[in-house]
Amino acid sequence: MSVVTPLRVDPEEKKVLELIAEALRSIQFGAVEIILHNGQVVQIERKEKIRL
């Protein structure tokens, strides 16, 4: 059996993860796109569709 240790995340990375989680929670139909530059998140796009 293996032991799982919690990840240590710096405050800036934690904020990015919170923003991504909020984008995912707040969308029903659509897509969340994460844009990276040199391995850093620089933009989060949320494209939402409204289905009738």
Protein backbone atom coordinates (compact mmCIF):
# COMPACT_ATOMS: atom_id res chain seq x y z
CA MET A 1 0.00 0.00 0.00
CA SER A 2 1.35 3.45 -0.89
CA VAL A 3 1.18 6.62 1.14
CA VAL A 4 -0.23 9.73 -0.52
CA THR A 5 1.33 13.00 0.57
CA PRO A 6 -0.52 16.28 0.03
CA LEU A 7 0.78 18.58 -2.69
CA ARG A 8 2.42 21.79 -1.58
CA VAL A 9 1.14 24.63 -3.71
CA ASP A 10 2.35 28.21 -3.48
CA PRO A 11 -0.31 30.94 -3.09
CA GLU A 12 -0.10 32.07 -6.73
CA GLU A 13 -0.61 28.53 -8.04
CA LYS A 14 -3.46 28.04 -5.57
CA LYS A 15 -5.20 31.15 -6.93
CA VAL A 16 -4.88 29.82 -10.51
CA LEU A 17 -6.34 26.47 -9.44
CA GLU A 18 -9.22 28.24 -7.67
CA LEU A 19 -9.98 30.28 -10.82
CA ILE A 20 -10.00 27.13 -12.97
CA ALA A 21 -12.25 25.32 -10.48
CA GLU A 22 -14.67 28.26 -10.41
CA ALA A 23 -14.79 28.36 -14.21
CA LEU A 24 -15.64 24.65 -14.24
CA ARG A 25 -18.26 24.96 -11.49
CA SER A 26 -20.04 27.88 -13.14
CA ILE A 27 -20.53 26.36 -16.60
CA GLN A 28 -23.17 23.84 -17.69
CA PHE A 29 -22.54 23.52 -21.43
CA GLY A 30 -19.38 24.71 -23.13
CA ALA A 31 -15.64 24.61 -22.65
CA VAL A 32 -12.91 25.94 -20.37
CA GLU A 33 -9.63 26.60 -22.14
CA ILE A 34 -6.37 27.17 -20.26
CA ILE A 35 -3.70 29.11 -22.18
CA LEU A 36 -0.06 28.57 -21.19
CA HIS A 37 3.10 30.48 -22.04
CA ASN A 38 6.45 28.98 -21.01
CA GLY A 39 4.63 26.57 -18.68
CA GLN A 40 2.72 29.35 -16.89
CA VAL A 41 -1.04 29.88 -17.04
CA VAL A 42 -1.58 33.27 -18.68
CA GLN A 43 -5.25 33.09 -19.60
CA ILE A 44 -8.40 31.13 -18.76
CA GLU A 45 -11.24 31.27 -21.28
CA ARG A 46 -14.78 30.11 -20.58
CA LYS A 47 -16.98 29.53 -23.63
CA GLU A 48 -20.56 28.91 -22.57
CA LYS A 49 -23.38 27.65 -24.68
CA ILE A 50 -27.02 28.26 -23.89
CA ARG A 51 -29.22 25.34 -24.89
CA LEU A 52 -32.93 25.91 -25.33
